[in-house]
Amino acid sequence: MIHLDTSVLIDALTGPRRSAPALRALIERGERLTFSSIVLYEWRRGPRRAEELRAQEALFPADGTIVFGTAEARQAAELYRKVPRPRGREIDLAIAACALTQDAALWTLNPSDFADIPGLELVDLRGRR
């Protein structure tokens, strides 16, 4: 399973859609893709056009997002205590916690934001683990 970071949704579903081919390849390969309710929040709060929201909903229905619940909150708090300089990174830590709780890798276009998170497997831009 691969969790998507907000950066991937933005890059795949808006503007020149640079990550769309890699996203399509993962889907065709049968990879299970999902994202957390935290990512949904970040995605929807941005300036989104109706067609971008429709594309997201067609590929990843909002009702199927991974909820940031009790287990994820505990994991995020543990990460906050473990990583250096956690202040200002709360959203990224919550996204990472959702992936870790689901035993999923995380595909992000900002790997340096997540590089110091223990146990988190990152996927690169081309969708390879």
N, C-alpha and C. Protein backbone atom coordinates (compact mmCIF):
# COMPACT_ATOMS: atom_id res chain seq x y z
N MET A 1 0.85 -1.17 0.00
CA MET A 1 0.00 0.00 0.00
C MET A 1 0.89 1.24 0.00
N ILE A 2 0.47 2.24 -0.74
CA ILE A 2 1.19 3.51 -0.80
C ILE A 2 0.23 4.64 -0.44
N HIS A 3 0.64 5.43 0.54
CA HIS A 3 -0.10 6.66 0.88
C HIS A 3 0.47 7.79 0.04
N LEU A 4 -0.39 8.65 -0.43
CA LEU A 4 0.03 9.81 -1.20
C LEU A 4 0.12 11.02 -0.29
N ASP A 5 1.15 11.80 -0.49
CA ASP A 5 1.28 13.09 0.19
C ASP A 5 0.54 14.14 -0.65
N THR A 6 0.20 15.24 -0.05
CA THR A 6 -0.49 16.32 -0.75
C THR A 6 0.30 16.79 -1.96
N SER A 7 1.61 16.79 -1.84
CA SER A 7 2.45 17.24 -2.96
C SER A 7 2.21 16.42 -4.22
N VAL A 8 1.95 15.14 -4.06
CA VAL A 8 1.70 14.27 -5.21
C VAL A 8 0.34 14.57 -5.82
N LEU A 9 -0.68 14.74 -4.99
CA LEU A 9 -2.00 15.09 -5.53
C LEU A 9 -1.93 16.38 -6.34
N ILE A 10 -1.28 17.38 -5.78
CA ILE A 10 -1.17 18.66 -6.47
C ILE A 10 -0.43 18.49 -7.80
N ASP A 11 0.68 17.77 -7.78
CA ASP A 11 1.50 17.60 -8.98
C ASP A 11 0.84 16.71 -10.03
N ALA A 12 0.01 15.78 -9.60
CA ALA A 12 -0.63 14.84 -10.52
C ALA A 12 -1.95 15.36 -11.07
N LEU A 13 -2.64 16.20 -10.30
CA LEU A 13 -4.01 16.57 -10.69
C LEU A 13 -4.19 18.04 -11.04
N THR A 14 -3.14 18.84 -10.94
CA THR A 14 -3.25 20.26 -11.28
C THR A 14 -2.14 20.66 -12.25
N GLY A 15 -2.32 21.82 -12.85
CA GLY A 15 -1.29 22.38 -13.74
C GLY A 15 -0.86 21.41 -14.82
N PRO A 16 0.46 21.26 -15.00
CA PRO A 16 0.95 20.37 -16.07
C PRO A 16 0.84 18.88 -15.75
N ARG A 17 0.40 18.57 -14.54
CA ARG A 17 0.17 17.16 -14.13
C ARG A 17 1.38 16.27 -14.36
N ARG A 18 2.53 16.75 -13.91
CA ARG A 18 3.79 16.03 -14.12
C ARG A 18 3.81 14.63 -13.51
N SER A 19 3.16 14.44 -12.37
CA SER A 19 3.18 13.12 -11.72
C SER A 19 2.05 12.20 -12.20
N ALA A 20 1.22 12.67 -13.10
CA ALA A 20 0.10 11.85 -13.58
C ALA A 20 0.57 10.54 -14.23
N PRO A 21 1.62 10.54 -15.08
CA PRO A 21 2.06 9.27 -15.67
C PRO A 21 2.52 8.25 -14.62
N ALA A 22 3.24 8.71 -13.61
CA ALA A 22 3.69 7.80 -12.55
C ALA A 22 2.51 7.29 -11.74
N LEU A 23 1.55 8.15 -11.48
CA LEU A 23 0.34 7.75 -10.76
C LEU A 23 -0.42 6.70 -11.56
N ARG A 24 -0.57 6.96 -12.86
CA ARG A 24 -1.27 6.02 -13.74
C ARG A 24 -0.54 4.67 -13.76
N ALA A 25 0.79 4.70 -13.81
CA ALA A 25 1.58 3.46 -13.83
C ALA A 25 1.37 2.65 -12.55
N LEU A 26 1.31 3.32 -11.42
CA LEU A 26 1.07 2.62 -10.15
C LEU A 26 -0.32 1.98 -10.14
N ILE A 27 -1.31 2.70 -10.63
CA ILE A 27 -2.67 2.17 -10.69
C ILE A 27 -2.72 0.97 -11.62
N GLU A 28 -2.10 1.08 -12.79
CA GLU A 28 -2.08 -0.03 -13.75
C GLU A 28 -1.33 -1.23 -13.21
N ARG A 29 -0.34 -0.99 -12.38
CA ARG A 29 0.44 -2.07 -11.76
C ARG A 29 -0.36 -2.77 -10.66
N GLY A 30 -1.50 -2.17 -10.28
CA GLY A 30 -2.33 -2.78 -9.25
C GLY A 30 -1.95 -2.37 -7.84
N GLU A 31 -1.14 -1.34 -7.72
CA GLU A 31 -0.73 -0.85 -6.40
C GLU A 31 -1.93 -0.24 -5.70
N ARG A 32 -2.10 -0.53 -4.44
CA ARG A 32 -3.18 0.07 -3.66
C ARG A 32 -2.73 1.45 -3.20
N LEU A 33 -3.44 2.49 -3.65
CA LEU A 33 -3.10 3.87 -3.34
C LEU A 33 -4.20 4.49 -2.51
N THR A 34 -3.80 5.26 -1.54
CA THR A 34 -4.76 5.94 -0.68
C THR A 34 -4.08 7.16 -0.08
N PHE A 35 -4.81 7.91 0.69
CA PHE A 35 -4.23 9.01 1.46
C PHE A 35 -5.10 9.28 2.66
N SER A 36 -4.53 10.07 3.57
CA SER A 36 -5.20 10.32 4.84
C SER A 36 -6.17 11.49 4.76
N SER A 37 -7.01 11.58 5.75
CA SER A 37 -7.94 12.71 5.84
C SER A 37 -7.17 14.02 6.03
N ILE A 38 -5.96 13.95 6.57
CA ILE A 38 -5.12 15.13 6.71
C ILE A 38 -4.70 15.64 5.32
N VAL A 39 -4.33 14.72 4.44
CA VAL A 39 -3.99 15.08 3.06
C VAL A 39 -5.22 15.64 2.35
N LEU A 40 -6.36 15.02 2.57
CA LEU A 40 -7.60 15.54 1.97
C LEU A 40 -7.85 16.98 2.40
N TYR A 41 -7.63 17.26 3.67
CA TYR A 41 -7.78 18.62 4.18
C TYR A 41 -6.82 19.58 3.46
N GLU A 42 -5.54 19.20 3.40
CA GLU A 42 -4.57 20.08 2.74
C GLU A 42 -4.92 20.29 1.27
N TRP A 43 -5.32 19.23 0.60
CA TRP A 43 -5.68 19.28 -0.82
C TRP A 43 -6.89 20.21 -1.03
N ARG A 44 -7.93 20.01 -0.25
CA ARG A 44 -9.17 20.77 -0.47
C ARG A 44 -9.08 22.23 -0.02
N ARG A 45 -8.18 22.55 0.90
CA ARG A 45 -8.07 23.94 1.36
C ARG A 45 -7.38 24.82 0.33
N GLY A 46 -6.64 24.21 -0.58
CA GLY A 46 -5.95 24.98 -1.60
C GLY A 46 -6.93 25.50 -2.64
N PRO A 47 -6.45 26.36 -3.50
CA PRO A 47 -7.34 26.84 -4.56
C PRO A 47 -7.52 25.73 -5.61
N ARG A 48 -8.62 25.03 -5.53
CA ARG A 48 -8.89 23.91 -6.44
C ARG A 48 -10.02 24.27 -7.39
N ARG A 49 -9.84 23.89 -8.63
CA ARG A 49 -10.90 24.07 -9.63
C ARG A 49 -11.82 22.85 -9.54
N ALA A 50 -13.04 23.03 -10.00
CA ALA A 50 -14.05 21.96 -9.92
C ALA A 50 -13.57 20.70 -10.63
N GLU A 51 -12.90 20.85 -11.77
CA GLU A 51 -12.45 19.65 -12.51
C GLU A 51 -11.33 18.92 -11.75
N GLU A 52 -10.53 19.64 -10.99
CA GLU A 52 -9.50 18.99 -10.18
C GLU A 52 -10.12 18.20 -9.04
N LEU A 53 -11.14 18.76 -8.43
CA LEU A 53 -11.84 18.05 -7.35
C LEU A 53 -12.57 16.83 -7.90
N ARG A 54 -13.13 16.95 -9.10
CA ARG A 54 -13.80 15.80 -9.72
C ARG A 54 -12.79 14.70 -10.03
N ALA A 55 -11.63 15.07 -10.53
CA ALA A 55 -10.59 14.08 -10.84
C ALA A 55 -10.15 13.35 -9.57
N GLN A 56 -9.94 14.11 -8.50
CA GLN A 56 -9.55 13.49 -7.23
C GLN A 56 -10.63 12.54 -6.75
N GLU A 57 -11.87 12.98 -6.83
CA GLU A 57 -12.98 12.15 -6.33
C GLU A 57 -13.15 10.88 -7.18
N ALA A 58 -12.92 10.99 -8.48
CA ALA A 58 -13.02 9.81 -9.37
C ALA A 58 -11.92 8.79 -9.05
N LEU A 59 -10.72 9.28 -8.80
CA LEU A 59 -9.60 8.38 -8.51
C LEU A 59 -9.57 7.93 -7.05
N PHE A 60 -9.86 8.88 -6.17
CA PHE A 60 -9.74 8.63 -4.73
C PHE A 60 -10.93 9.25 -4.01
N PRO A 61 -12.04 8.52 -3.94
CA PRO A 61 -13.22 9.08 -3.26
C PRO A 61 -12.89 9.50 -1.82
N ALA A 62 -13.38 10.66 -1.46
CA ALA A 62 -13.11 11.21 -0.13
C ALA A 62 -13.55 10.26 0.98
N ASP A 63 -14.61 9.53 0.75
CA ASP A 63 -15.10 8.59 1.75
C ASP A 63 -14.13 7.44 2.01
N GLY A 64 -13.15 7.26 1.13
CA GLY A 64 -12.19 6.17 1.28
C GLY A 64 -10.88 6.59 1.92
N THR A 65 -10.77 7.83 2.34
CA THR A 65 -9.52 8.28 2.95
C THR A 65 -9.30 7.59 4.29
N ILE A 66 -8.04 7.51 4.66
CA ILE A 66 -7.67 6.95 5.95
C ILE A 66 -7.89 8.02 7.01
N VAL A 67 -8.71 7.72 7.97
CA VAL A 67 -9.07 8.69 9.00
C VAL A 67 -7.94 8.85 10.01
N PHE A 68 -7.69 10.09 10.40
CA PHE A 68 -6.73 10.37 11.45
C PHE A 68 -7.46 10.16 12.77
N GLY A 69 -7.29 8.96 13.31
CA GLY A 69 -8.00 8.59 14.53
C GLY A 69 -7.05 8.46 15.72
N THR A 70 -7.48 7.70 16.70
CA THR A 70 -6.72 7.56 17.94
C THR A 70 -5.34 6.95 17.72
N ALA A 71 -5.26 5.87 16.96
CA ALA A 71 -3.96 5.22 16.73
C ALA A 71 -3.01 6.16 16.00
N GLU A 72 -3.54 6.89 15.04
CA GLU A 72 -2.72 7.82 14.27
C GLU A 72 -2.26 8.99 15.14
N ALA A 73 -3.15 9.46 16.01
CA ALA A 73 -2.79 10.55 16.92
C ALA A 73 -1.67 10.11 17.87
N ARG A 74 -1.77 8.92 18.39
CA ARG A 74 -0.71 8.41 19.27
C ARG A 74 0.61 8.30 18.52
N GLN A 75 0.55 7.77 17.30
CA GLN A 75 1.76 7.62 16.49
C GLN A 75 2.37 8.99 16.17
N ALA A 76 1.54 9.96 15.82
CA ALA A 76 2.03 11.30 15.50
C ALA A 76 2.68 11.94 16.72
N ALA A 77 2.09 11.77 17.89
CA ALA A 77 2.66 12.32 19.11
C ALA A 77 4.01 11.66 19.42
N GLU A 78 4.10 10.36 19.20
CA GLU A 78 5.37 9.66 19.41
C GLU A 78 6.43 10.19 18.45
N LEU A 79 6.05 10.40 17.20
CA LEU A 79 6.99 10.95 16.22
C LEU A 79 7.43 12.35 16.64
N TYR A 80 6.50 13.13 17.13
CA TYR A 80 6.81 14.50 17.56
C TYR A 80 7.91 14.49 18.63
N ARG A 81 7.83 13.51 19.52
CA ARG A 81 8.83 13.41 20.58
C ARG A 81 10.16 12.86 20.08
N LYS A 82 10.15 12.12 18.97
CA LYS A 82 11.36 11.44 18.49
C LYS A 82 12.18 12.24 17.48
N VAL A 83 11.54 12.99 16.62
CA VAL A 83 12.29 13.63 15.53
C VAL A 83 12.90 14.95 15.99
N PRO A 84 14.02 15.30 15.40
CA PRO A 84 14.59 16.61 15.73
C PRO A 84 13.74 17.72 15.12
N ARG A 85 13.64 18.82 15.81
CA ARG A 85 12.91 20.00 15.34
C ARG A 85 11.50 19.68 14.84
N PRO A 86 10.62 19.18 15.71
CA PRO A 86 9.27 18.82 15.27
C PRO A 86 8.32 20.01 15.10
N ARG A 87 8.62 21.13 15.76
CA ARG A 87 7.71 22.29 15.69
C ARG A 87 7.57 22.77 14.26
N GLY A 88 6.33 23.03 13.87
CA GLY A 88 6.05 23.47 12.52
C GLY A 88 5.89 22.32 11.54
N ARG A 89 6.10 21.11 12.02
CA ARG A 89 6.00 19.92 11.15
C ARG A 89 4.82 19.03 11.53
N GLU A 90 3.91 19.56 12.30
CA GLU A 90 2.81 18.73 12.83
C GLU A 90 2.00 18.05 11.74
N ILE A 91 1.72 18.76 10.66
CA ILE A 91 0.92 18.17 9.57
C ILE A 91 1.71 17.03 8.92
N ASP A 92 2.97 17.25 8.62
CA ASP A 92 3.78 16.19 8.02
C ASP A 92 3.89 14.99 8.95
N LEU A 93 4.04 15.23 10.24
CA LEU A 93 4.12 14.12 11.20
C LEU A 93 2.80 13.35 11.25
N ALA A 94 1.68 14.05 11.14
CA ALA A 94 0.37 13.38 11.12
C ALA A 94 0.21 12.55 9.85
N ILE A 95 0.66 13.08 8.72
CA ILE A 95 0.60 12.32 7.46
C ILE A 95 1.48 11.08 7.57
N ALA A 96 2.68 11.24 8.09
CA ALA A 96 3.58 10.09 8.26
C ALA A 96 2.98 9.06 9.22
N ALA A 97 2.36 9.52 10.28
CA ALA A 97 1.75 8.62 11.26
C ALA A 97 0.66 7.78 10.61
N CYS A 98 -0.12 8.38 9.74
CA CYS A 98 -1.18 7.63 9.04
C CYS A 98 -0.56 6.52 8.19
N ALA A 99 0.50 6.84 7.47
CA ALA A 99 1.17 5.82 6.65
C ALA A 99 1.76 4.72 7.53
N LEU A 100 2.44 5.10 8.59
CA LEU A 100 3.04 4.11 9.48
C LEU A 100 1.99 3.21 10.12
N THR A 101 0.90 3.79 10.56
CA THR A 101 -0.16 3.02 11.20
C THR A 101 -0.76 1.99 10.24
N GLN A 102 -0.80 2.33 8.97
CA GLN A 102 -1.34 1.43 7.94
C GLN A 102 -0.27 0.52 7.35
N ASP A 103 0.97 0.61 7.85
CA ASP A 103 2.10 -0.15 7.31
C ASP A 103 2.26 0.11 5.81
N ALA A 104 2.15 1.38 5.45
CA ALA A 104 2.22 1.80 4.05
C ALA A 104 3.46 2.64 3.81
N ALA A 105 3.91 2.65 2.57
CA ALA A 105 4.96 3.58 2.15
C ALA A 105 4.30 4.92 1.88
N LEU A 106 5.10 5.97 1.81
CA LEU A 106 4.59 7.31 1.53
C LEU A 106 5.25 7.84 0.27
N TRP A 107 4.43 8.26 -0.69
CA TRP A 107 4.95 8.89 -1.90
C TRP A 107 4.82 10.39 -1.71
N THR A 108 5.94 11.07 -1.68
CA THR A 108 5.98 12.51 -1.52
C THR A 108 6.96 13.11 -2.52
N LEU A 109 6.73 14.33 -2.90
CA LEU A 109 7.67 15.06 -3.73
C LEU A 109 8.60 15.91 -2.87
N ASN A 110 8.42 15.81 -1.58
CA ASN A 110 9.25 16.54 -0.61
C ASN A 110 9.90 15.56 0.37
N PRO A 111 10.76 14.69 -0.13
CA PRO A 111 11.32 13.65 0.74
C PRO A 111 12.10 14.21 1.93
N SER A 112 12.68 15.38 1.79
CA SER A 112 13.44 15.92 2.92
C SER A 112 12.53 16.24 4.12
N ASP A 113 11.24 16.46 3.87
CA ASP A 113 10.29 16.71 4.96
C ASP A 113 10.04 15.47 5.80
N PHE A 114 10.34 14.29 5.24
CA PHE A 114 10.01 13.03 5.90
C PHE A 114 11.23 12.14 6.13
N ALA A 115 12.40 12.56 5.68
CA ALA A 115 13.59 11.71 5.69
C ALA A 115 14.00 11.24 7.08
N ASP A 116 13.72 12.03 8.11
CA ASP A 116 14.18 11.66 9.46
C ASP A 116 13.12 10.92 10.27
N ILE A 117 12.06 10.49 9.64
CA ILE A 117 10.98 9.81 10.37
C ILE A 117 11.29 8.32 10.43
N PRO A 118 11.52 7.81 11.64
CA PRO A 118 11.92 6.40 11.79
C PRO A 118 10.85 5.44 11.28
N GLY A 119 11.32 4.48 10.49
CA GLY A 119 10.45 3.42 10.01
C GLY A 119 9.60 3.77 8.81
N LEU A 120 9.64 5.01 8.35
CA LEU A 120 8.80 5.41 7.22
C LEU A 120 9.52 5.14 5.91
N GLU A 121 8.88 4.34 5.06
CA GLU A 121 9.42 4.04 3.74
C GLU A 121 8.89 5.08 2.75
N LEU A 122 9.80 5.69 2.01
CA LEU A 122 9.41 6.70 1.03
C LEU A 122 9.47 6.14 -0.38
N VAL A 123 8.58 6.63 -1.23
CA VAL A 123 8.53 6.27 -2.64
C VAL A 123 8.99 7.50 -3.41
N ASP A 124 9.83 7.30 -4.44
CA ASP A 124 10.31 8.47 -5.19
C ASP A 124 9.31 8.89 -6.26
N LEU A 125 9.62 9.95 -6.97
CA LEU A 125 8.73 10.55 -7.96
C LEU A 125 8.27 9.56 -9.02
N ARG A 126 9.12 8.63 -9.37
CA ARG A 126 8.76 7.66 -10.41
C ARG A 126 7.90 6.53 -9.87
N GLY A 127 7.56 6.58 -8.57
CA GLY A 127 6.68 5.58 -8.00
C GLY A 127 7.36 4.28 -7.63
N ARG A 128 8.70 4.30 -7.60
CA ARG A 128 9.43 3.08 -7.23
C ARG A 128 9.76 3.12 -5.75
N ARG A 129 9.68 1.98 -5.11
CA ARG A 129 10.05 1.89 -3.70
C ARG A 129 11.53 1.77 -3.58
